[in-house]
C-alpha atoms as a PDB file:
ATOM      1  CA  MET A   1       0.268   0.111   0.003  1.00  0.00           C
ATOM      2  CA  GLY A   2       0.977   3.567  -0.602  1.00  0.00           C
ATOM      3  CA  GLY A   3       2.849   5.633  -2.785  1.00  0.00           C
ATOM      4  CA  ALA A   4       1.951   5.792  -6.823  1.00  0.00           C
ATOM      5  CA  SER A   5       3.108   9.112  -8.770  1.00  0.00           C
ATOM      6  CA  TYR A   6       3.549  10.153 -12.595  1.00  0.00           C
ATOM      7  CA  ASN A   7       7.025  11.505 -12.829  1.00  0.00           C
ATOM      8  CA  SER A   8       9.264  13.694 -14.894  1.00  0.00           C
ATOM      9  CA  VAL A   9      12.706  13.008 -15.064  1.00  0.00           C
ATOM     10  CA  ILE A  10      15.555  15.298 -15.927  1.00  0.00           C
ATOM     11  CA  THR A  11      18.959  13.850 -16.058  1.00  0.00           C
ATOM     12  CA  LEU A  12      21.974  15.802 -16.070  1.00  0.00           C
ATOM     13  CA  ASP A  13      25.932  15.032 -15.477  1.00  0.00           C
ATOM     14  CA  GLU A  14      25.986  17.568 -12.669  1.00  0.00           C
ATOM     15  CA  PHE A  15      23.755  19.319 -10.847  1.00  0.00           C
ATOM     16  CA  PRO A  16      22.907  22.743 -12.062  1.00  0.00           C
ATOM     17  CA  GLN A  17      24.336  25.437  -9.751  1.00  0.00           C
ATOM     18  CA  ALA A  18      21.862  27.692  -8.236  1.00  0.00           C
ATOM     19  CA  ILE A  19      22.263  30.585 -10.593  1.00  0.00           C
ATOM     20  CA  SER A  20      20.289  32.097 -13.352  1.00  0.00           C
ATOM     21  CA  GLN A  21      21.320  29.886 -16.621  1.00  0.00           C
ATOM     22  CA  THR A  22      19.724  27.779 -19.589  1.00  0.00           C
ATOM     23  CA  ILE A  23      20.737  24.157 -20.058  1.00  0.00           C
ATOM     24  CA  HIS A  24      20.487  23.226 -23.680  1.00  0.00           C
ATOM     25  CA  ASN A  25      21.432  19.204 -23.082  1.00  0.00           C
ATOM     26  CA  CYS A  26      19.599  16.748 -20.812  1.00  0.00           C
ATOM     27  CA  TYR A  27      17.943  13.614 -20.640  1.00  0.00           C
ATOM     28  CA  PHE A  28      14.353  13.785 -19.983  1.00  0.00           C
ATOM     29  CA  ASP A  29      11.377  11.184 -19.549  1.00  0.00           C
ATOM     30  CA  GLU A  30       8.454  10.956 -18.117  1.00  0.00           C
ATOM     31  CA  THR A  31       7.124   7.487 -16.485  1.00  0.00           C
ATOM     32  CA  ILE A  32       5.317   5.993 -13.244  1.00  0.00           C
ATOM     33  CA  GLY A  33       7.376   6.732 -10.253  1.00  0.00           C
ATOM     34  CA  ASN A  34       6.990   6.639  -6.078  1.00  0.00           C
ATOM     35  CA  THR A  35       7.619   3.911  -3.863  1.00  0.00           C
ATOM     36  CA  GLY A  36       4.278   1.552  -3.841  1.00  0.00           C
ATOM     37  CA  ALA A  37       4.838   1.614  -7.341  1.00  0.00           C
ATOM     38  CA  GLY A  38       8.223   0.624  -7.852  1.00  0.00           C
ATOM     39  CA  LYS A  39       7.964  -2.280  -5.268  1.00  0.00           C
ATOM     40  CA  ALA A  40       4.820  -3.557  -6.966  1.00  0.00           C
ATOM     41  CA  LEU A  41       6.505  -3.931 -10.243  1.00  0.00           C
ATOM     42  CA  THR A  42       9.411  -5.464  -9.068  1.00  0.00           C
ATOM     43  CA  LEU A  43       7.722  -7.778  -6.609  1.00  0.00           C
ATOM     44  CA  SER A  44       5.374  -8.917  -9.219  1.00  0.00           C
ATOM     45  CA  LYS A  45       8.144  -9.816 -12.092  1.00  0.00           C
ATOM     46  CA  LEU A  46       9.918 -11.728  -9.230  1.00  0.00           C
ATOM     47  CA  GLY A  47       7.168 -13.879  -9.380  1.00  0.00           C
ATOM     48  CA  PHE A  48       5.163 -12.645  -6.473  1.00  0.00           C
ATOM     49  CA  ASN A  49       0.942 -12.767  -6.529  1.00  0.00           C
ATOM     50  CA  THR A  50       0.982  -9.011  -6.088  1.00  0.00           C
ATOM     51  CA  THR A  51      -1.758  -6.904  -4.761  1.00  0.00           C
ATOM     52  CA  PHE A  52      -1.158  -3.001  -4.676  1.00  0.00           C
ATOM     53  CA  HIS A  53      -3.284  -0.246  -3.359  1.00  0.00           C
ATOM     54  CA  SER A  54      -2.793   3.543  -3.680  1.00  0.00           C
ATOM     55  CA  LEU A  55      -4.426   6.707  -4.737  1.00  0.00           C
ATOM     56  CA  ILE A  56      -4.188   8.498  -8.149  1.00  0.00           C
ATOM     57  CA  GLY A  57      -6.396  11.432  -9.702  1.00  0.00           C
ATOM     58  CA  ASP A  58      -9.389  11.360 -11.705  1.00  0.00           C
ATOM     59  CA  ASP A  59      -7.486  12.490 -14.511  1.00  0.00           C
ATOM     60  CA  SER A  60      -4.927  11.825 -17.412  1.00  0.00           C
ATOM     61  CA  PHE A  61      -1.934  11.474 -15.091  1.00  0.00           C
ATOM     62  CA  GLY A  62      -3.900   8.681 -13.093  1.00  0.00           C
ATOM     63  CA  GLU A  63      -4.795   6.635 -16.584  1.00  0.00           C
ATOM     64  CA  LYS A  64      -1.071   7.070 -17.223  1.00  0.00           C
ATOM     65  CA  VAL A  65      -0.041   5.553 -14.126  1.00  0.00           C
ATOM     66  CA  THR A  66      -2.531   2.572 -14.135  1.00  0.00           C
ATOM     67  CA  SER A  67      -0.979   1.800 -17.626  1.00  0.00           C
ATOM     68  CA  PHE A  68       2.217   0.812 -16.213  1.00  0.00           C
ATOM     69  CA  LEU A  69       0.734  -1.209 -13.874  1.00  0.00           C
ATOM     70  CA  LYS A  70      -0.975  -3.425 -16.143  1.00  0.00           C
ATOM     71  CA  GLU A  71       1.613  -6.167 -15.583  1.00  0.00           C
ATOM     72  CA  PRO A  72       1.091  -9.854 -15.162  1.00  0.00           C
ATOM     73  CA  ASN A  73       1.170 -10.883 -11.393  1.00  0.00           C
ATOM     74  CA  LEU A  74      -0.036  -7.425 -10.589  1.00  0.00           C
ATOM     75  CA  HIS A  75      -3.552  -6.363  -9.584  1.00  0.00           C
ATOM     76  CA  PHE A  76      -3.861  -2.732  -8.821  1.00  0.00           C
ATOM     77  CA  ILE A  77      -6.848  -1.306  -6.689  1.00  0.00           C
ATOM     78  CA  SER A  78      -6.934   2.246  -5.928  1.00  0.00           C
ATOM     79  CA  ASP A  79      -9.041   5.137  -4.805  1.00  0.00           C
ATOM     80  CA  ILE A  80      -9.531   8.640  -6.034  1.00  0.00           C
ATOM     81  CA  ASP A  81      -7.478  11.257  -4.649  1.00  0.00           C
ATOM     82  CA  PRO A  82      -9.385  14.771  -5.100  1.00  0.00           C
ATOM     83  CA  ASN A  83      -6.078  16.111  -4.999  1.00  0.00           C
ATOM     84  CA  GLY A  84      -5.398  14.489  -8.521  1.00  0.00           C
ATOM     85  CA  THR A  85      -2.628  12.082  -9.112  1.00  0.00           C
ATOM     86  CA  GLU A  86       0.535  12.688  -7.058  1.00  0.00           C
ATOM     87  CA  ARG A  87       3.433  13.946  -9.584  1.00  0.00           C
ATOM     88  CA  HIS A  88       7.240  14.516  -9.044  1.00  0.00           C
ATOM     89  CA  LEU A  89       9.883  16.583 -10.600  1.00  0.00           C
ATOM     90  CA  ASN A  90      13.409  14.469 -10.348  1.00  0.00           C
ATOM     91  CA  ILE A  91      16.504  16.000 -11.213  1.00  0.00           C
ATOM     92  CA  MET A  92      18.946  13.068 -10.873  1.00  0.00           C
ATOM     93  CA  ASN A  93      22.991  12.992 -11.962  1.00  0.00           C
ATOM     94  CA  SER A  94      25.306  10.512 -13.218  1.00  0.00           C
ATOM     95  CA  ARG A  95      26.253   9.691  -9.772  1.00  0.00           C
ATOM     96  CA  GLY A  96      21.981   8.558  -9.398  1.00  0.00           C
ATOM     97  CA  GLU A  97      22.076  11.231  -6.369  1.00  0.00           C
ATOM     98  CA  ARG A  98      18.215  13.138  -6.945  1.00  0.00           C
ATOM     99  CA  ILE A  99      16.334  15.924  -6.092  1.00  0.00           C
ATOM    100  CA  SER A 100      13.127  15.122  -6.053  1.00  0.00           C
ATOM    101  CA  ILE A 101      10.532  18.172  -6.320  1.00  0.00           C
ATOM    102  CA  PHE A 102       6.745  17.152  -5.136  1.00  0.00           C
ATOM    103  CA  VAL A 103       4.876  19.197  -7.869  1.00  0.00           C
ATOM    104  CA  ASN A 104       1.375  17.628  -7.041  1.00  0.00           C
ATOM    105  CA  PRO A 105       1.612  16.000  -3.584  1.00  0.00           C
ATOM    106  CA  SER A 106      -1.617  13.153  -2.947  1.00  0.00           C
ATOM    107  CA  SER A 107      -3.721  13.801  -0.252  1.00  0.00           C
ATOM    108  CA  ASP A 108      -2.699  13.104   3.428  1.00  0.00           C
ATOM    109  CA  GLU A 109      -6.438  12.288   4.551  1.00  0.00           C
ATOM    110  CA  PRO A 110      -8.451  10.950   1.786  1.00  0.00           C
ATOM    111  CA  SER A 111     -12.012   9.392   2.752  1.00  0.00           C
ATOM    112  CA  ILE A 112     -11.315   5.875   2.294  1.00  0.00           C
ATOM    113  CA  LYS A 113     -13.121   2.878   4.155  1.00  0.00           C
ATOM    114  CA  TYR A 114     -10.095   0.828   5.292  1.00  0.00           C
ATOM    115  CA  GLU A 115     -11.997  -2.139   6.470  1.00  0.00           C
ATOM    116  CA  LYS A 116     -12.434  -2.657   2.995  1.00  0.00           C
ATOM    117  CA  PHE A 117      -8.703  -4.347   2.865  1.00  0.00           C
ATOM    118  CA  GLU A 118      -9.281  -6.579   5.405  1.00  0.00           C
ATOM    119  CA  GLY A 119      -9.879  -9.561   2.831  1.00  0.00           C
ATOM    120  CA  HIS A 120      -6.857  -8.614   1.123  1.00  0.00           C
ATOM    121  CA  LEU A 121      -4.714  -8.451   4.017  1.00  0.00           C
ATOM    122  CA  LEU A 122      -5.644 -11.729   5.181  1.00  0.00           C
ATOM    123  CA  ASP A 123      -4.788 -13.517   2.185  1.00  0.00           C
ATOM    124  CA  SER A 124      -1.228 -11.754   1.726  1.00  0.00           C
ATOM    125  CA  ASP A 125       1.852 -13.806   2.816  1.00  0.00           C
ATOM    126  CA  TYR A 126       3.515 -10.394   3.036  1.00  0.00           C
ATOM    127  CA  VAL A 127       1.870  -6.875   3.903  1.00  0.00           C
ATOM    128  CA  VAL A 128       4.450  -3.582   2.770  1.00  0.00           C
ATOM    129  CA  ILE A 129       3.121  -0.957   3.971  1.00  0.00           C
ATOM    130  CA  ASN A 130       4.853   2.389   2.578  1.00  0.00           C
ATOM    131  CA  ILE A 131       5.091   5.791   4.424  1.00  0.00           C
ATOM    132  CA  SER A 132       2.212   7.561   2.133  1.00  0.00           C
ATOM    133  CA  ASN A 133       0.468   9.436   5.018  1.00  0.00           C
ATOM    134  CA  TYR A 134      -2.822   8.079   3.853  1.00  0.00           C
ATOM    135  CA  SER A 135      -1.358   4.511   4.459  1.00  0.00           C
ATOM    136  CA  ARG A 136      -0.574   5.254   8.341  1.00  0.00           C
ATOM    137  CA  ASN A 137      -4.034   4.772   8.801  1.00  0.00           C
ATOM    138  CA  ILE A 138      -4.034   0.614   7.990  1.00  0.00           C
ATOM    139  CA  LEU A 139      -1.630  -0.017  10.202  1.00  0.00           C
ATOM    140  CA  PRO A 140      -3.742  -0.638  13.283  1.00  0.00           C
ATOM    141  CA  ILE A 141      -5.836  -2.894  10.979  1.00  0.00           C
ATOM    142  CA  CYS A 142      -2.805  -5.185  10.445  1.00  0.00           C
ATOM    143  CA  LYS A 143      -2.056  -5.260  13.891  1.00  0.00           C
ATOM    144  CA  ARG A 144      -5.863  -6.414  14.436  1.00  0.00           C
ATOM    145  CA  LEU A 145      -5.489  -9.007  12.124  1.00  0.00           C
ATOM    146  CA  ASN A 146      -1.922  -9.957  13.350  1.00  0.00           C
ATOM    147  CA  LYS A 147      -0.014  -9.389   9.902  1.00  0.00           C
ATOM    148  CA  GLU A 148       3.596  -8.401   9.930  1.00  0.00           C
ATOM    149  CA  ILE A 149       4.333  -5.362   8.762  1.00  0.00           C
ATOM    150  CA  TRP A 150       7.316  -4.730   6.310  1.00  0.00           C
ATOM    151  CA  THR A 151       8.501  -0.826   5.531  1.00  0.00           C
ATOM    152  CA  ASP A 152      10.731   1.233   4.084  1.00  0.00           C
ATOM    153  CA  LEU A 153      11.544   4.432   5.876  1.00  0.00           C
ATOM    154  CA  HIS A 154      14.050   5.867   2.967  1.00  0.00           C
ATOM    155  CA  ASP A 155      15.847   8.900   4.202  1.00  0.00           C
ATOM    156  CA  TYR A 156      14.865   8.793   7.750  1.00  0.00           C
ATOM    157  CA  ASP A 157      16.860  11.145   9.126  1.00  0.00           C
ATOM    158  CA  GLY A 158      16.698   9.458  13.010  1.00  0.00           C
ATOM    159  CA  LYS A 159      13.993  11.682  14.714  1.00  0.00           C
ATOM    160  CA  ASN A 160      11.613  13.034  12.078  1.00  0.00           C
ATOM    161  CA  GLU A 161       7.811  12.126  13.853  1.00  0.00           C
ATOM    162  CA  TYR A 162       6.425  11.574  10.031  1.00  0.00           C
ATOM    163  CA  HIS A 163       7.720   8.169  10.675  1.00  0.00           C
ATOM    164  CA  GLN A 164       7.379   7.070  13.702  1.00  0.00           C
ATOM    165  CA  ASP A 165       3.858   5.576  13.232  1.00  0.00           C
ATOM    166  CA  PHE A 166       5.143   3.252  10.676  1.00  0.00           C
ATOM    167  CA  ILE A 167       8.511   2.303  12.649  1.00  0.00           C
ATOM    168  CA  ASP A 168       6.249   1.534  15.997  1.00  0.00           C
ATOM    169  CA  ALA A 169       4.525  -0.983  13.814  1.00  0.00           C
ATOM    170  CA  ALA A 170       6.532  -2.480  11.381  1.00  0.00           C
ATOM    171  CA  ASP A 171       8.278  -5.886  11.876  1.00  0.00           C
ATOM    172  CA  TYR A 172      10.856  -5.432   9.382  1.00  0.00           C
ATOM    173  CA  ILE A 173      12.324  -2.125   8.761  1.00  0.00           C
ATOM    174  CA  PHE A 174      14.411  -1.010   5.821  1.00  0.00           C
ATOM    175  CA  LEU A 175      15.875   2.730   5.539  1.00  0.00           C
ATOM    176  CA  SER A 176      18.961   4.339   3.795  1.00  0.00           C
ATOM    177  CA  SER A 177      21.918   5.913   5.329  1.00  0.00           C
ATOM    178  CA  ASP A 178      21.881   9.194   2.956  1.00  0.00           C
ATOM    179  CA  ASN A 179      19.818  11.356   6.140  1.00  0.00           C
ATOM    180  CA  LEU A 180      21.144   8.956   9.015  1.00  0.00           C
ATOM    181  CA  PRO A 181      24.763   8.460   8.350  1.00  0.00           C
ATOM    182  CA  ASP A 182      25.499   7.042  12.076  1.00  0.00           C
ATOM    183  CA  TYR A 183      22.582   4.948  11.231  1.00  0.00           C
ATOM    184  CA  LYS A 184      23.944   1.637  13.536  1.00  0.00           C
ATOM    185  CA  PRO A 185      22.631   3.378  17.348  1.00  0.00           C
ATOM    186  CA  PHE A 186      19.178   3.313  15.218  1.00  0.00           C
ATOM    187  CA  MET A 187      19.172   0.110  14.080  1.00  0.00           C
ATOM    188  CA  LEU A 188      20.198  -1.440  17.698  1.00  0.00           C
ATOM    189  CA  LYS A 189      17.288   0.404  19.211  1.00  0.00           C
ATOM    190  CA  GLN A 190      15.034  -1.297  16.738  1.00  0.00           C
ATOM    191  CA  ILE A 191      15.875  -4.630  17.777  1.00  0.00           C
ATOM    192  CA  ALA A 192      15.810  -4.220  21.261  1.00  0.00           C
ATOM    193  CA  ASN A 193      12.307  -2.565  20.283  1.00  0.00           C
ATOM    194  CA  GLY A 194      11.469  -6.022  19.293  1.00  0.00           C
ATOM    195  CA  LYS A 195      11.663  -5.754  15.641  1.00  0.00           C
ATOM    196  CA  LYS A 196      12.800  -8.693  13.516  1.00  0.00           C
ATOM    197  CA  LEU A 197      15.258  -7.286  11.337  1.00  0.00           C
ATOM    198  CA  VAL A 198      16.544  -3.869  10.049  1.00  0.00           C
ATOM    199  CA  VAL A 199      18.632  -3.299   7.146  1.00  0.00           C
ATOM    200  CA  CYS A 200      19.758  -0.183   5.928  1.00  0.00           C
ATOM    201  CA  THR A 201      21.640   0.507   2.135  1.00  0.00           C
ATOM    202  CA  HIS A 202      23.983   3.068   1.661  1.00  0.00           C
ATOM    203  CA  GLY A 203      23.947   3.220  -1.850  1.00  0.00           C
ATOM    204  CA  LYS A 204      27.542   2.682  -3.575  1.00  0.00           C
ATOM    205  CA  ASP A 205      28.633   1.450  -0.437  1.00  0.00           C
ATOM    206  CA  GLY A 206      26.376  -1.512  -0.088  1.00  0.00           C
ATOM    207  CA  ALA A 207      24.074  -2.467   2.871  1.00  0.00           C
ATOM    208  CA  SER A 208      24.176  -3.269   6.333  1.00  0.00           C
ATOM    209  CA  ALA A 209      21.654  -5.748   8.011  1.00  0.00           C
ATOM    210  CA  TYR A 210      20.806  -6.593  11.596  1.00  0.00           C
ATOM    211  CA  THR A 211      19.260  -9.267  12.857  1.00  0.00           C
ATOM    212  CA  ARG A 212      17.365  -9.724  16.255  1.00  0.00           C
ATOM    213  CA  GLU A 213      20.291 -12.674  17.122  1.00  0.00           C
ATOM    214  CA  GLY A 214      22.629  -9.484  17.006  1.00  0.00           C
ATOM    215  CA  LYS A 215      24.686 -10.274  14.105  1.00  0.00           C
ATOM    216  CA  TRP A 216      25.834  -7.979  11.664  1.00  0.00           C
ATOM    217  CA  ILE A 217      25.894  -8.692   8.310  1.00  0.00           C
ATOM    218  CA  GLU A 218      27.555  -6.078   5.692  1.00  0.00           C
ATOM    219  CA  THR A 219      27.265  -6.564   1.666  1.00  0.00           C
ATOM    220  CA  PRO A 220      29.258  -4.740  -1.435  1.00  0.00           C
ATOM    221  CA  ILE A 221      27.474  -3.803  -4.250  1.00  0.00           C
ATOM    222  CA  ILE A 222      28.458  -5.452  -7.362  1.00  0.00           C
ATOM    223  CA  ASP A 223      30.728  -3.209  -9.444  1.00  0.00           C
ATOM    224  CA  ALA A 224      29.823  -4.670 -12.993  1.00  0.00           C
ATOM    225  CA  TYR A 225      26.438  -3.193 -12.474  1.00  0.00           C
ATOM    226  CA  LYS A 226      26.321   0.412 -14.332  1.00  0.00           C
ATOM    227  CA  MET A 227      24.557   3.436 -13.378  1.00  0.00           C
ATOM    228  CA  THR A 228      21.988   4.786 -15.508  1.00  0.00           C
ATOM    229  CA  ASN A 229      19.509   5.874 -13.257  1.00  0.00           C
ATOM    230  CA  ALA A 230      18.882   5.138  -9.972  1.00  0.00           C
ATOM    231  CA  ASN A 231      15.374   6.176  -9.405  1.00  0.00           C
ATOM    232  CA  GLY A 232      13.745   2.732  -8.269  1.00  0.00           C
ATOM    233  CA  ALA A 233      17.002   1.182  -6.830  1.00  0.00           C
ATOM    234  CA  GLY A 234      16.048   1.086  -3.083  1.00  0.00           C
ATOM    235  CA  ASP A 235      12.965  -0.429  -3.841  1.00  0.00           C
ATOM    236  CA  SER A 236      14.224  -3.121  -5.940  1.00  0.00           C
ATOM    237  CA  PHE A 237      16.870  -3.807  -3.327  1.00  0.00           C
ATOM    238  CA  PHE A 238      14.088  -4.375  -1.021  1.00  0.00           C
ATOM    239  CA  SER A 239      12.226  -6.720  -3.446  1.00  0.00           C
ATOM    240  CA  GLY A 240      15.256  -8.716  -4.331  1.00  0.00           C
ATOM    241  CA  PHE A 241      15.931  -9.608  -0.433  1.00  0.00           C
ATOM    242  CA  LEU A 242      11.987 -10.218   0.034  1.00  0.00           C
ATOM    243  CA  TYR A 243      12.127 -12.382  -2.794  1.00  0.00           C
ATOM    244  CA  GLY A 244      15.454 -14.337  -1.261  1.00  0.00           C
ATOM    245  CA  PHE A 245      13.078 -14.224   2.322  1.00  0.00           C
ATOM    246  CA  SER A 246      10.483 -15.921   0.609  1.00  0.00           C
ATOM    247  CA  ILE A 247      12.249 -18.704  -0.710  1.00  0.00           C
ATOM    248  CA  GLY A 248      13.675 -19.108   3.201  1.00  0.00           C
ATOM    249  CA  TYR A 249      17.351 -18.289   2.477  1.00  0.00           C
ATOM    250  CA  GLU A 250      19.437 -16.762   5.138  1.00  0.00           C
ATOM    251  CA  ILE A 251      19.746 -12.936   5.270  1.00  0.00           C
ATOM    252  CA  LYS A 252      23.415 -12.876   3.855  1.00  0.00           C
ATOM    253  CA  LYS A 253      21.689 -14.273   0.655  1.00  0.00           C
ATOM    254  CA  CYS A 254      18.791 -12.389   0.789  1.00  0.00           C
ATOM    255  CA  MET A 255      21.137  -8.912   1.015  1.00  0.00           C
ATOM    256  CA  GLN A 256      22.913 -10.510  -1.843  1.00  0.00           C
ATOM    257  CA  PHE A 257      19.625 -10.968  -4.402  1.00  0.00           C
ATOM    258  CA  GLY A 258      18.840  -7.147  -2.859  1.00  0.00           C
ATOM    259  CA  THR A 259      22.105  -6.301  -4.451  1.00  0.00           C
ATOM    260  CA  ILE A 260      21.360  -8.133  -7.830  1.00  0.00           C
ATOM    261  CA  THR A 261      18.142  -6.703  -8.440  1.00  0.00           C
ATOM    262  CA  SER A 262      19.254  -2.748  -7.150  1.00  0.00           C
ATOM    263  CA  GLY A 263      22.099  -3.668  -9.723  1.00  0.00           C
ATOM    264  CA  LEU A 264      19.766  -4.163 -12.797  1.00  0.00           C
ATOM    265  CA  CYS A 265      17.289  -1.464 -11.950  1.00  0.00           C
ATOM    266  CA  ILE A 266      20.317   1.266 -12.029  1.00  0.00           C
ATOM    267  CA  GLU A 267      21.198  -0.378 -15.481  1.00  0.00           C
ATOM    268  CA  SER A 268      17.564   0.604 -16.628  1.00  0.00           C
ATOM    269  CA  LYS A 269      15.867   4.056 -17.175  1.00  0.00           C
ATOM    270  CA  LEU A 270      12.908   2.885 -15.572  1.00  0.00           C
ATOM    271  CA  ILE A 271      11.888   2.355 -12.144  1.00  0.00           C
ATOM    272  CA  THR A 272      12.351  -1.119 -12.501  1.00  0.00           C
ATOM    273  CA  ASN A 273      14.380  -3.393 -15.234  1.00  0.00           C
ATOM    274  CA  ASN A 274      12.100  -5.037 -17.466  1.00  0.00           C
ATOM    275  CA  LYS A 275      14.465  -8.173 -18.137  1.00  0.00           C
ATOM    276  CA  LEU A 276      13.750  -8.684 -14.672  1.00  0.00           C
ATOM    277  CA  SER A 277      12.566 -12.383 -13.789  1.00  0.00           C
ATOM    278  CA  LYS A 278      13.384 -15.099 -10.969  1.00  0.00           C
ATOM    279  CA  ALA A 279      15.420 -16.964 -13.968  1.00  0.00           C
ATOM    280  CA  LEU A 280      17.443 -14.276 -14.674  1.00  0.00           C
ATOM    281  CA  VAL A 281      18.147 -13.017 -10.711  1.00  0.00           C
ATOM    282  CA  GLU A 282      19.083 -16.584 -10.133  1.00  0.00           C
ATOM    283  CA  SER A 283      21.580 -16.465 -12.882  1.00  0.00           C
ATOM    284  CA  GLU A 284      22.978 -13.136 -11.563  1.00  0.00           C
ATOM    285  CA  PHE A 285      23.442 -14.889  -8.592  1.00  0.00           C
ATOM    286  CA  SER A 286      25.388 -17.510  -9.752  1.00  0.00           C
ATOM    287  CA  LYS A 287      27.585 -15.431 -11.800  1.00  0.00           C
ATOM    288  CA  TYR A 288      28.542 -13.517  -9.062  1.00  0.00           C
ATOM    289  CA  TYR A 289      28.754 -14.833  -5.606  1.00  0.00           C
ATOM    290  CA  VAL A 290      28.528 -19.016  -6.674  1.00  0.00           C
END
């Protein structure tokens, strides 16, 4: 649940200086974006029978978002956002860094009867609640139904109160160290508070996991994957990890699958690599880790 937008993406070698100027050359694209869409598309390509809920507007942008989600294994359900479809302007540089401007944010409190999702929740092996504000209202229902929650805090800074409901409710937490360079105390605290696993990604510096057994697991990136576009890399890592987890692999191997799916993602101009499949991921694993 949570997070589908229609994005305009501008890619430059370097971010522009904050001065008046004209830029004559860039790579420009318009495509689906956001964390829920990224995870839903990637998980469906990895063979999960995926149900994805998000808000879209009753507008042409909503139609475009829906068209991208017409994929095998992916069942998209939505409610109408009175604000219109969420839209972002993403400015990327050659290192995969991003400036994201919310051109049209989604509604914080849309009128939704959340009880209608109970059947989907009960049928699900894995429940992923993204940090769209409207999604926080389903957290108590998940808990009442005894469903474990996976969440992704993205560039959480360790103190932003916006994220706290998701932190409190989650059993499995993913985040980035972009705004939390001293990430280990946060991860230690979450395991001490009863979380089952915390994973922190570090871009080109790989990823770290901390388990409830008190074990640190570090995974470097695979240098063979060449940067084209970093949009969706974190969601692809999450999805690759969950793929390995669903098979019952040890955490180290799950981290390696996440590394592969994120690497394949950055080689694509989209938020997930269109060539992605279980067979490709298993083949890449044999190439780099066996």
